[in-house]
């Protein structure tokens, strides 16, 4: 254990003594959040002057989604025509409506005019908000005075039970804070790349191989150092968003923090695996940054873009898994879904780190 703790302390000190690393992973995220946070921090009351957007819908007449579309609040934004599935698709194809909502077996999909403009974007945003927080929370956000009663909210959306804890609904800044924090924690994988790349490869790696320290103690100490450092760096942003912009992280903080730790462990494992596999620090630095950008993009971290059938696959990206668990913990999500996604996130990390450790151990021989 002495070798483990010695390696941990050496790696921990090394990472915090790197001013560029500290600035990029702490100061830069706070600067970005500070710049955009003021624009997102409060609720926005929209005075609608445009005509409602024409959309078609195929949905269960007695379901929560149909009730959602027929509510007075949504009528301000959408002019909904309920029709059959084939007819809804035909209306979109003929550009008689800008989008069609199709509810099949409890799953909601949206057909839209290719290259649709602001009207199509509005329809997509409504559908996405319904998927994320449910009809009850969405309508409460639009007109909280009419839905102040808990029973009325739950009655409106009995099927999904999406009543937020404490009658809260996520604001734009809450969505932004979660997305930004998950993305930041992904990029902290560069800490693991830095420590493992230098400790196993090149001249430094050669000296390490001569030291009387076992591979498990070396790998464990370095992994612990990079993980703890990365988690603490992310917590600066976590505390900042809560203290400055009032981001609500819920009453289940241990579960939220465990999820964020899962993102950190995944990012470390991915970068460590890549550097052990390729034995090239520079190549992996560029590749990992491209991977993190792609993961954030396909999980709709930069823009609400639909990818058709691929959305079901992208729902299992680390970002999407973390978003599901964090929002579920804060606003009352499906417990079994949350636990499955969290277990899958840590499972992905193990699937990457175990072969990385074996590659590194072979390297030390």
Protein backbone atom coordinates (compact mmCIF):
# COMPACT_ATOMS: atom_id res chain seq x y z
CA UNK A 1 0.00 0.00 0.00
CA UNK A 2 2.93 2.34 0.57
CA UNK A 3 3.79 2.15 -3.12
CA UNK A 4 0.16 2.86 -4.05
CA UNK A 5 -0.09 5.97 -1.86
CA UNK A 6 3.34 7.20 -2.96
CA UNK A 7 2.33 6.90 -6.60
CA UNK A 8 -1.02 8.56 -5.90
CA UNK A 9 0.57 11.54 -4.15
CA UNK A 10 3.19 11.95 -6.88
CA UNK A 11 0.55 11.98 -9.63
CA UNK A 12 -1.82 14.24 -7.68
CA UNK A 13 0.90 16.85 -7.09
CA UNK A 14 2.04 16.67 -10.70
CA UNK A 15 -1.42 17.39 -12.10
CA UNK A 16 -2.12 20.32 -9.79
CA UNK A 17 1.29 21.88 -10.49
CA UNK A 18 0.49 22.13 -14.21
CA UNK A 19 -0.90 25.70 -14.60
CA UNK A 20 -2.17 25.13 -18.15
CA UNK A 21 -4.09 22.03 -17.10
CA UNK A 22 -5.65 23.79 -14.10
CA UNK A 23 -6.63 26.84 -16.17
CA UNK A 24 -8.25 24.80 -18.95
CA UNK A 25 -10.24 22.51 -16.69
CA UNK A 26 -11.26 25.07 -14.04
CA UNK A 27 -11.00 28.69 -15.20
CA UNK A 28 -12.19 28.18 -18.78
CA UNK A 29 -15.46 26.35 -17.93
CA UNK A 30 -16.34 28.96 -15.31
CA UNK A 31 -15.68 31.75 -17.82
CA UNK A 32 -17.97 30.12 -20.40
CA UNK A 33 -20.73 29.52 -17.85
CA UNK A 34 -20.40 33.09 -16.59
CA UNK A 35 -20.72 34.50 -20.11
CA UNK A 36 -23.82 32.48 -21.04
CA UNK A 37 -25.32 31.96 -17.60
CA UNK A 38 -26.71 35.48 -17.29
CA UNK A 39 -28.80 34.93 -20.40
CA UNK A 40 -30.16 31.59 -19.14
CA UNK A 41 -30.54 32.08 -15.42
CA UNK A 42 -34.15 33.26 -15.25
CA UNK A 43 -37.48 32.17 -16.62
CA UNK A 44 -38.57 33.86 -19.82
CA UNK A 45 -42.21 34.79 -20.30
CA UNK A 46 -43.04 34.68 -23.99
CA UNK A 47 -45.70 36.98 -25.41
CA UNK A 48 -46.75 35.00 -28.47
CA UNK A 49 -47.67 37.20 -31.43
CA UNK A 50 -47.12 34.68 -34.22
CA UNK A 51 -49.80 32.28 -35.42
CA UNK A 52 -49.58 28.78 -33.91
CA UNK A 53 -47.42 26.38 -35.87
CA UNK A 54 -49.41 23.77 -37.87
CA UNK A 55 -48.56 20.19 -36.87
CA UNK A 56 -50.21 16.79 -37.28
CA UNK A 57 -50.45 14.19 -34.52
CA UNK A 58 -51.12 10.48 -34.28
CA UNK A 59 -51.62 9.68 -30.60
CA UNK A 60 -53.74 7.72 -28.15
CA UNK A 61 -56.85 9.92 -27.64
CA UNK A 62 -56.99 9.02 -23.95
CA UNK A 63 -53.25 9.32 -23.31
CA UNK A 64 -51.23 12.01 -21.58
CA UNK A 65 -49.59 13.19 -24.82
CA UNK A 66 -52.98 13.88 -26.45
CA UNK A 67 -54.05 15.79 -23.33
CA UNK A 68 -50.79 17.70 -23.49
CA UNK A 69 -51.37 18.74 -27.12
CA UNK A 70 -54.97 19.80 -26.43
CA UNK A 71 -54.15 22.01 -23.45
CA UNK A 72 -54.66 25.78 -23.68
CA UNK A 73 -50.97 26.50 -23.11
CA UNK A 74 -49.80 24.36 -26.02
CA UNK A 75 -52.55 25.81 -28.26
CA UNK A 76 -50.70 29.12 -28.02
CA UNK A 77 -47.78 27.53 -29.84
CA UNK A 78 -49.14 24.60 -31.90
CA UNK A 79 -52.19 24.20 -34.15
CA UNK A 80 -52.63 20.43 -33.87
CA UNK A 81 -54.56 18.25 -36.31
CA UNK A 82 -55.20 14.73 -34.99
CA UNK A 83 -55.22 12.15 -37.75
CA UNK A 84 -54.10 8.64 -38.68
CA UNK A 85 -50.45 7.65 -38.91
CA UNK A 86 -50.33 7.46 -42.71
CA UNK A 87 -52.26 10.72 -43.07
CA UNK A 88 -49.87 12.49 -40.68
CA UNK A 89 -46.87 11.33 -42.73
CA UNK A 90 -48.60 12.48 -45.93
CA UNK A 91 -49.26 15.94 -44.49
CA UNK A 92 -45.57 16.37 -43.72
CA UNK A 93 -44.54 15.04 -47.12
CA UNK A 94 -46.91 17.53 -48.83
CA UNK A 95 -45.62 20.31 -46.52
CA UNK A 96 -49.15 21.01 -45.30
CA UNK A 97 -47.73 20.93 -41.75
CA UNK A 98 -44.21 21.58 -40.54
CA UNK A 99 -44.02 18.42 -38.40
CA UNK A 100 -45.94 15.34 -37.33
CA UNK A 101 -45.92 13.75 -33.88
CA UNK A 102 -46.26 9.95 -33.91
CA UNK A 103 -46.89 8.10 -30.65
CA UNK A 104 -46.26 4.36 -31.03
CA UNK A 105 -46.23 1.98 -28.05
CA UNK A 106 -45.53 4.80 -25.64
CA UNK A 107 -42.60 6.18 -27.68
CA UNK A 108 -42.75 9.56 -29.36
CA UNK A 109 -41.14 10.29 -32.73
CA UNK A 110 -41.27 13.41 -34.88
CA UNK A 111 -41.40 13.68 -38.66
CA UNK A 112 -40.39 17.03 -40.06
CA UNK A 113 -39.84 18.91 -43.29
CA UNK A 114 -36.18 18.60 -44.31
CA UNK A 115 -34.43 21.89 -43.66
CA UNK A 116 -37.41 23.25 -41.70
CA UNK A 117 -36.97 26.67 -40.15
CA UNK A 118 -38.00 28.27 -36.87
CA UNK A 119 -41.51 26.77 -36.96
CA UNK A 120 -40.13 23.23 -37.27
CA UNK A 121 -37.64 23.99 -34.50
CA UNK A 122 -40.46 25.09 -32.21
CA UNK A 123 -42.36 21.84 -32.82
CA UNK A 124 -39.23 19.79 -32.13
CA UNK A 125 -38.54 21.74 -28.92
CA UNK A 126 -42.06 21.05 -27.64
CA UNK A 127 -41.71 17.33 -28.32
CA UNK A 128 -38.25 17.22 -26.75
CA UNK A 129 -39.45 19.04 -23.62
CA UNK A 130 -42.31 16.56 -23.28
CA UNK A 131 -39.88 13.63 -23.58
CA UNK A 132 -37.46 15.12 -21.07
CA UNK A 133 -39.72 16.30 -18.24
CA UNK A 134 -43.25 15.12 -19.14
CA UNK A 135 -46.51 16.92 -19.77
CA UNK A 136 -47.05 17.91 -16.16
CA UNK A 137 -43.75 19.72 -15.74
CA UNK A 138 -43.94 21.29 -19.20
CA UNK A 139 -47.38 22.80 -18.59
CA UNK A 140 -46.39 23.88 -15.11
CA UNK A 141 -43.47 25.79 -16.61
CA UNK A 142 -45.75 27.50 -19.13
CA UNK A 143 -48.42 28.45 -16.61
CA UNK A 144 -47.63 27.53 -13.01
CA UNK A 145 -50.66 29.39 -11.63
CA UNK A 146 -53.07 26.86 -13.17
CA UNK A 147 -51.13 23.80 -12.05
CA UNK A 148 -50.17 24.63 -8.49
CA UNK A 149 -52.05 21.61 -7.16
CA UNK A 150 -50.02 18.39 -7.02
CA UNK A 151 -53.03 16.12 -7.71
CA UNK A 152 -53.94 18.06 -10.83
CA UNK A 153 -50.40 17.70 -12.14
CA UNK A 154 -50.25 13.97 -11.52
CA UNK A 155 -53.71 13.41 -12.97
CA UNK A 156 -52.62 15.08 -16.19
CA UNK A 157 -49.72 12.67 -16.66
CA UNK A 158 -50.56 9.49 -14.79
CA UNK A 159 -48.77 7.24 -17.27
CA UNK A 160 -45.32 8.78 -16.88
CA UNK A 161 -45.56 10.23 -13.34
CA UNK A 162 -43.19 13.03 -14.28
CA UNK A 163 -44.11 15.40 -11.47
CA UNK A 164 -40.81 17.10 -10.50
CA UNK A 165 -39.66 16.86 -6.91
CA UNK A 166 -40.64 19.95 -4.94
CA UNK A 167 -42.80 21.16 -7.87
CA UNK A 168 -39.65 22.33 -9.65
CA UNK A 169 -39.12 22.39 -13.38
CA UNK A 170 -35.66 22.66 -14.96
CA UNK A 171 -34.77 26.06 -16.36
CA UNK A 172 -32.57 26.66 -19.37
CA UNK A 173 -29.58 27.25 -17.10
CA UNK A 174 -30.21 23.91 -15.35
CA UNK A 175 -30.10 22.04 -18.66
CA UNK A 176 -27.00 24.00 -19.66
CA UNK A 177 -25.21 23.36 -16.36
CA UNK A 178 -25.69 19.59 -16.52
CA UNK A 179 -24.64 19.39 -20.18
CA UNK A 180 -21.63 21.63 -19.60
CA UNK A 181 -20.50 19.79 -16.48
CA UNK A 182 -20.70 16.36 -18.13
CA UNK A 183 -18.71 17.67 -21.09
CA UNK A 184 -16.06 19.18 -18.78
CA UNK A 185 -15.71 15.92 -16.88
CA UNK A 186 -15.19 14.04 -20.15
CA UNK A 187 -12.29 16.29 -21.06
CA UNK A 188 -10.64 15.61 -17.70
CA UNK A 189 -9.70 12.25 -19.17
CA UNK A 190 -6.64 14.12 -20.41
CA UNK A 191 -5.35 13.91 -16.82
CA UNK A 192 -5.19 10.13 -17.10
CA UNK A 193 -3.57 10.42 -20.51
CA UNK A 194 -0.92 12.74 -19.09
CA UNK A 195 -0.02 10.52 -16.13
CA UNK A 196 -0.14 7.12 -17.83
CA UNK A 197 1.47 8.28 -21.06
CA UNK A 198 4.50 9.67 -19.26
CA UNK A 199 4.73 6.91 -16.68
CA UNK A 200 4.68 4.01 -19.13
CA UNK A 201 6.10 5.43 -22.36
CA UNK A 202 9.33 7.14 -23.43
CA UNK A 203 12.32 7.88 -21.19
CA UNK A 204 10.17 8.34 -18.08
CA UNK A 205 8.56 4.96 -18.67
CA UNK A 206 12.00 3.40 -18.96
CA UNK A 207 13.00 4.73 -15.54
CA UNK A 208 9.69 3.58 -14.04
CA UNK A 209 10.31 0.05 -15.29
CA UNK A 210 13.54 0.01 -13.29
CA UNK A 211 11.81 1.10 -10.08
CA UNK A 212 10.87 -1.53 -7.44
CA UNK A 213 7.11 -1.00 -7.77
CA UNK A 214 4.48 -3.46 -8.94
CA UNK A 215 2.25 -2.81 -11.93
CA UNK A 216 -1.00 -2.90 -9.85
CA UNK A 217 0.38 -0.36 -7.35
CA UNK A 218 1.58 1.92 -10.14
CA UNK A 219 -1.62 1.71 -12.22
CA UNK A 220 -3.89 1.98 -9.17
CA UNK A 221 -2.07 4.98 -7.74
CA UNK A 222 -2.01 6.85 -11.03
CA UNK A 223 -5.68 6.07 -11.75
CA UNK A 224 -6.68 7.26 -8.28
CA UNK A 225 -4.65 10.46 -8.71
CA UNK A 226 -6.16 11.31 -12.10
CA UNK A 227 -9.70 10.41 -10.96
CA UNK A 228 -9.58 12.42 -7.73
CA UNK A 229 -8.00 15.40 -9.49
CA UNK A 230 -10.55 15.35 -12.29
CA UNK A 231 -13.49 14.99 -9.91
CA UNK A 232 -12.31 17.92 -7.78
CA UNK A 233 -11.84 20.04 -10.89
CA UNK A 234 -15.40 19.27 -11.95
CA UNK A 235 -16.72 20.08 -8.49
CA UNK A 236 -15.51 23.66 -8.89
CA UNK A 237 -17.99 24.06 -11.74
CA UNK A 238 -20.64 22.13 -9.79
CA UNK A 239 -20.40 24.49 -6.80
CA UNK A 240 -20.14 27.58 -9.02
CA UNK A 241 -23.36 26.86 -10.92
CA UNK A 242 -25.26 26.23 -7.71
CA UNK A 243 -23.93 29.23 -5.81
CA UNK A 244 -23.99 31.82 -8.59
CA UNK A 245 -26.92 30.76 -10.80
CA UNK A 246 -29.01 28.78 -8.36
CA UNK A 247 -28.85 25.54 -10.34
CA UNK A 248 -30.91 23.00 -8.42
CA UNK A 249 -29.00 19.75 -7.91
CA UNK A 250 -31.81 18.10 -5.97
CA UNK A 251 -32.07 16.27 -2.68
CA UNK A 252 -30.26 13.12 -3.84
CA UNK A 253 -26.78 14.59 -4.06
CA UNK A 254 -24.95 11.28 -3.41
CA UNK A 255 -26.55 9.77 -6.53
CA UNK A 256 -25.80 12.88 -8.61
CA UNK A 257 -22.18 12.94 -7.45
CA UNK A 258 -21.79 9.19 -8.06
CA UNK A 259 -23.01 9.74 -11.63
CA UNK A 260 -20.54 12.56 -12.19
CA UNK A 261 -17.80 10.33 -10.77
CA UNK A 262 -18.87 7.68 -13.29
CA UNK A 263 -18.27 10.16 -16.13
CA UNK A 264 -14.82 10.91 -14.72
CA UNK A 265 -13.91 7.23 -14.47
CA UNK A 266 -15.12 6.61 -18.02
CA UNK A 267 -13.08 9.48 -19.44
CA UNK A 268 -9.93 8.35 -17.59
CA UNK A 269 -10.38 4.76 -18.75
CA UNK A 270 -10.93 5.75 -22.38
CA UNK A 271 -7.83 7.95 -22.58
CA UNK A 272 -5.67 5.44 -20.70
CA UNK A 273 -6.80 2.63 -22.98
CA UNK A 274 -6.05 4.67 -26.12
CA UNK A 275 -2.58 5.72 -24.99
CA UNK A 276 -1.67 2.18 -23.92
CA UNK A 277 -2.96 0.85 -27.25
CA UNK A 278 -1.28 3.38 -29.56
CA UNK A 279 1.73 4.35 -27.38
CA UNK A 280 1.47 7.87 -28.77
CA UNK A 281 0.52 10.79 -26.50
CA UNK A 282 0.00 13.41 -29.19
CA UNK A 283 -2.20 11.20 -31.35
CA UNK A 284 -4.41 10.22 -28.44
CA UNK A 285 -4.73 13.83 -27.25
CA UNK A 286 -6.25 14.86 -30.57
CA UNK A 287 -8.32 11.69 -30.98
CA UNK A 288 -9.79 11.84 -27.47
CA UNK A 289 -10.82 15.47 -27.87
CA UNK A 290 -12.54 14.58 -31.15
CA UNK A 291 -14.30 11.66 -29.43
CA UNK A 292 -15.49 13.83 -26.54
CA UNK A 293 -16.81 16.48 -28.95
CA UNK A 294 -18.64 13.81 -30.95
CA UNK A 295 -20.17 12.22 -27.84
CA UNK A 296 -21.45 15.61 -26.70
CA UNK A 297 -22.82 16.39 -30.17
CA UNK A 298 -24.74 13.15 -30.73
CA UNK A 299 -26.20 13.35 -27.22
CA UNK A 300 -27.65 16.77 -28.20
CA UNK A 301 -25.29 18.72 -25.98
CA UNK A 302 -24.69 21.44 -28.58
CA UNK A 303 -27.99 21.45 -30.49
CA UNK A 304 -31.29 19.56 -30.44
CA UNK A 305 -30.70 17.66 -33.67
CA UNK A 306 -32.55 14.43 -34.36
CA UNK A 307 -30.69 11.52 -35.94
CA UNK A 308 -33.64 9.25 -36.73
CA UNK A 309 -33.20 5.58 -35.76
CA UNK A 310 -29.66 6.36 -34.57
CA UNK A 311 -31.12 8.29 -31.62
CA UNK A 312 -31.85 4.96 -29.92
CA UNK A 313 -28.15 4.08 -30.18
CA UNK A 314 -26.96 7.53 -29.10
CA UNK A 315 -29.13 7.23 -25.98
CA UNK A 316 -26.39 4.92 -24.67
CA UNK A 317 -23.53 7.38 -25.00
CA UNK A 318 -21.89 8.26 -21.66
CA UNK A 319 -23.31 11.79 -21.89
CA UNK A 320 -26.87 10.59 -22.42
CA UNK A 321 -26.58 8.02 -19.64
CA UNK A 322 -25.31 10.67 -17.23
CA UNK A 323 -28.03 13.12 -18.25
CA UNK A 324 -30.73 10.49 -17.63
CA UNK A 325 -29.48 9.68 -14.15
CA UNK A 326 -28.81 13.27 -13.05
CA UNK A 327 -32.14 14.65 -14.26
CA UNK A 328 -33.89 11.58 -12.88
CA UNK A 329 -32.27 12.04 -9.47
CA UNK A 330 -33.15 15.74 -9.38
CA UNK A 331 -36.65 15.71 -10.86
CA UNK A 332 -37.98 12.24 -10.06
CA UNK A 333 -37.17 9.89 -12.93
CA UNK A 334 -37.70 6.18 -13.43
CA UNK A 335 -35.65 4.48 -10.70
CA UNK A 336 -34.91 1.23 -12.56
CA UNK A 337 -33.89 3.14 -15.70
CA UNK A 338 -31.56 5.35 -13.68
CA UNK A 339 -29.86 2.43 -11.95
CA UNK A 340 -29.43 0.54 -15.22
CA UNK A 341 -27.86 3.56 -16.93
CA UNK A 342 -25.52 4.18 -14.00
CA UNK A 343 -24.41 0.55 -13.94
CA UNK A 344 -23.86 0.67 -17.70
CA UNK A 345 -21.70 3.80 -17.35
CA UNK A 346 -19.38 2.10 -14.85
CA UNK A 347 -19.46 -1.10 -16.92
CA UNK A 348 -18.15 0.80 -19.94
CA UNK A 349 -15.30 2.12 -17.80
CA UNK A 350 -14.32 -1.36 -16.63
CA UNK A 351 -14.46 -2.67 -20.22
CA UNK A 352 -11.90 -0.03 -21.19
CA UNK A 353 -9.61 0.00 -18.16
CA UNK A 354 -9.07 -3.76 -17.81
CA UNK A 355 -7.47 -4.16 -21.28
CA UNK A 356 -5.59 -0.88 -20.71
CA UNK A 357 -4.10 -2.32 -17.51
CA UNK A 358 -3.10 -5.54 -19.27
CA UNK A 359 -1.42 -3.55 -22.06
CA UNK A 360 0.40 -1.40 -19.51
CA UNK A 361 1.53 -4.43 -17.51
CA UNK A 362 2.99 -5.98 -20.63
CA UNK A 363 4.74 -2.68 -21.28
CA UNK A 364 6.43 -2.79 -17.87
CA UNK A 365 7.90 -6.24 -18.42
